[in-house]
């Protein structure tokens, strides 16, 4: 099951009411997630000697990198009107229920990075860009 990472970021930022406060909190969550998880993961990889610690460091780094495309899209969607345009005509309550489950992909190392690259390449082949 593939995930539209841009839509995931948009739905997460909007939540049930689309408040500015929620948008800022989600943006901060994404940015802190990538910095903290990748930093801690790289530190574990470089300083640990045990296989378990290194495996956890590798997982942490890969899972943390999933927050990079989420952060990028969240920054794009913070522009005035961008989030509303992304979610125009979308049943946000239905999408919120759907993406609540799909956001578990963040725990699969590099999955959201791969989905983002796949979507970007597909858009380039189709000759389309973001609105």
Protein backbone atom coordinates (compact mmCIF):
# COMPACT_ATOMS: atom_id res chain seq x y z
CA UNK A 1 0.00 0.00 0.00
CA UNK A 2 1.63 3.21 -1.21
CA UNK A 3 1.31 6.50 0.58
CA UNK A 4 1.02 9.99 -0.91
CA UNK A 5 3.48 11.69 1.44
CA UNK A 6 2.36 15.21 0.51
CA UNK A 7 -1.25 14.31 1.33
CA UNK A 8 -0.12 12.64 4.56
CA UNK A 9 1.62 15.85 5.63
CA UNK A 10 -1.39 17.95 4.61
CA UNK A 11 -3.93 15.80 6.44
CA UNK A 12 -1.74 15.65 9.53
CA UNK A 13 -1.29 19.42 9.51
CA UNK A 14 -5.01 20.02 9.04
CA UNK A 15 -6.26 17.51 11.61
CA UNK A 16 -9.95 17.88 12.31
CA UNK A 17 -10.14 21.70 12.21
CA UNK A 18 -7.12 23.10 10.39
CA UNK A 19 -5.96 25.53 13.06
CA UNK A 20 -2.77 27.54 12.64
CA UNK A 21 -1.57 26.25 15.99
CA UNK A 22 -1.86 22.63 14.83
CA UNK A 23 0.01 23.42 11.62
CA UNK A 24 2.91 24.88 13.60
CA UNK A 25 2.99 21.97 16.05
CA UNK A 26 3.03 19.38 13.26
CA UNK A 27 5.75 21.29 11.39
CA UNK A 28 7.83 21.38 14.58
CA UNK A 29 7.21 17.65 15.13
CA UNK A 30 8.45 16.83 11.63
CA UNK A 31 11.54 19.06 11.90
CA UNK A 32 12.47 17.84 15.39
CA UNK A 33 11.82 14.25 14.31
CA UNK A 34 14.31 14.37 11.47
CA UNK A 35 17.01 16.20 13.44
CA UNK A 36 16.77 14.24 16.69
CA UNK A 37 16.22 10.78 15.25
CA UNK A 38 18.93 11.06 12.60
CA UNK A 39 21.41 12.63 15.01
CA UNK A 40 20.81 9.99 17.67
CA UNK A 41 20.87 7.21 15.08
CA UNK A 42 24.18 8.36 13.59
CA UNK A 43 25.63 8.74 17.08
CA UNK A 44 24.60 5.17 17.96
CA UNK A 45 26.03 3.86 14.70
CA UNK A 46 29.36 5.57 15.26
CA UNK A 47 29.81 5.03 18.98
CA UNK A 48 28.29 1.61 19.65
CA UNK A 49 30.13 -1.65 19.41
CA UNK A 50 27.22 -4.02 19.98
CA UNK A 51 25.17 -5.38 17.08
CA UNK A 52 21.86 -4.54 18.78
CA UNK A 53 22.81 -0.90 19.37
CA UNK A 54 24.08 -0.52 15.82
CA UNK A 55 20.92 -2.11 14.41
CA UNK A 56 18.80 0.26 16.48
CA UNK A 57 20.95 3.19 15.30
CA UNK A 58 20.46 2.14 11.69
CA UNK A 59 16.69 1.81 12.18
CA UNK A 60 16.55 5.17 13.98
CA UNK A 61 18.44 6.89 11.18
CA UNK A 62 16.23 5.36 8.49
CA UNK A 63 13.01 6.13 10.35
CA UNK A 64 14.24 9.65 11.10
CA UNK A 65 14.93 10.26 7.41
CA UNK A 66 11.22 9.61 6.79
CA UNK A 67 10.59 12.95 8.50
CA UNK A 68 12.64 14.80 5.85
CA UNK A 69 10.01 14.67 3.07
CA UNK A 70 7.27 15.31 5.63
CA UNK A 71 9.18 18.41 6.78
CA UNK A 72 9.73 19.57 3.21
CA UNK A 73 6.03 19.26 2.37
CA UNK A 74 4.98 20.86 5.66
CA UNK A 75 7.18 23.87 4.91
CA UNK A 76 5.61 24.14 1.45
CA UNK A 77 2.12 23.82 2.90
CA UNK A 78 2.73 26.59 5.46
CA UNK A 79 2.51 29.20 2.68
CA UNK A 80 -0.77 31.11 2.83
CA UNK A 81 -3.50 29.16 1.04
CA UNK A 82 -1.29 26.16 0.18
CA UNK A 83 -2.86 23.76 2.68
CA UNK A 84 -6.38 24.80 1.71
CA UNK A 85 -5.54 24.32 -1.98
CA UNK A 86 -4.05 20.87 -1.28
CA UNK A 87 -7.17 19.74 0.57
CA UNK A 88 -9.77 21.45 -1.65
CA UNK A 89 -12.67 19.09 -2.27
CA UNK A 90 -11.26 16.45 0.08
CA UNK A 91 -13.34 14.84 2.82
CA UNK A 92 -10.80 15.64 5.54
CA UNK A 93 -12.49 13.49 8.19
CA UNK A 94 -12.36 10.42 5.94
CA UNK A 95 -8.77 11.17 4.92
CA UNK A 96 -7.81 11.71 8.56
CA UNK A 97 -9.08 8.24 9.46
CA UNK A 98 -7.28 6.70 6.48
CA UNK A 99 -3.97 8.48 7.04
CA UNK A 100 -4.01 7.81 10.77
CA UNK A 101 -3.28 4.19 9.89
CA UNK A 102 -1.01 4.95 6.93
CA UNK A 103 1.27 7.16 8.99
CA UNK A 104 2.63 3.99 10.60
CA UNK A 105 4.84 3.80 7.49
CA UNK A 106 7.04 6.35 9.26
CA UNK A 107 8.38 3.44 11.33
CA UNK A 108 9.54 1.56 8.23
CA UNK A 109 13.01 2.97 7.54
CA UNK A 110 13.20 5.08 4.37
CA UNK A 111 9.68 4.12 3.24
CA UNK A 112 8.39 7.70 2.99
CA UNK A 113 11.59 8.73 1.23
CA UNK A 114 11.02 5.98 -1.35
CA UNK A 115 7.34 6.94 -1.79
CA UNK A 116 8.35 10.58 -2.30
CA UNK A 117 11.01 9.72 -4.88
CA UNK A 118 8.54 7.44 -6.69
CA UNK A 119 5.88 10.17 -6.80
CA UNK A 120 8.40 12.80 -7.94
CA UNK A 121 9.66 10.59 -10.78
CA UNK A 122 6.08 9.79 -11.83
CA UNK A 123 5.21 13.50 -11.92
CA UNK A 124 8.31 14.27 -14.00
CA UNK A 125 7.44 11.55 -16.49
CA UNK A 126 3.91 12.92 -16.70
CA UNK A 127 5.22 16.48 -17.02
CA UNK A 128 3.28 17.79 -14.02
CA UNK A 129 4.37 19.81 -11.02
CA UNK A 130 2.90 20.84 -7.70
CA UNK A 131 0.10 23.37 -7.68
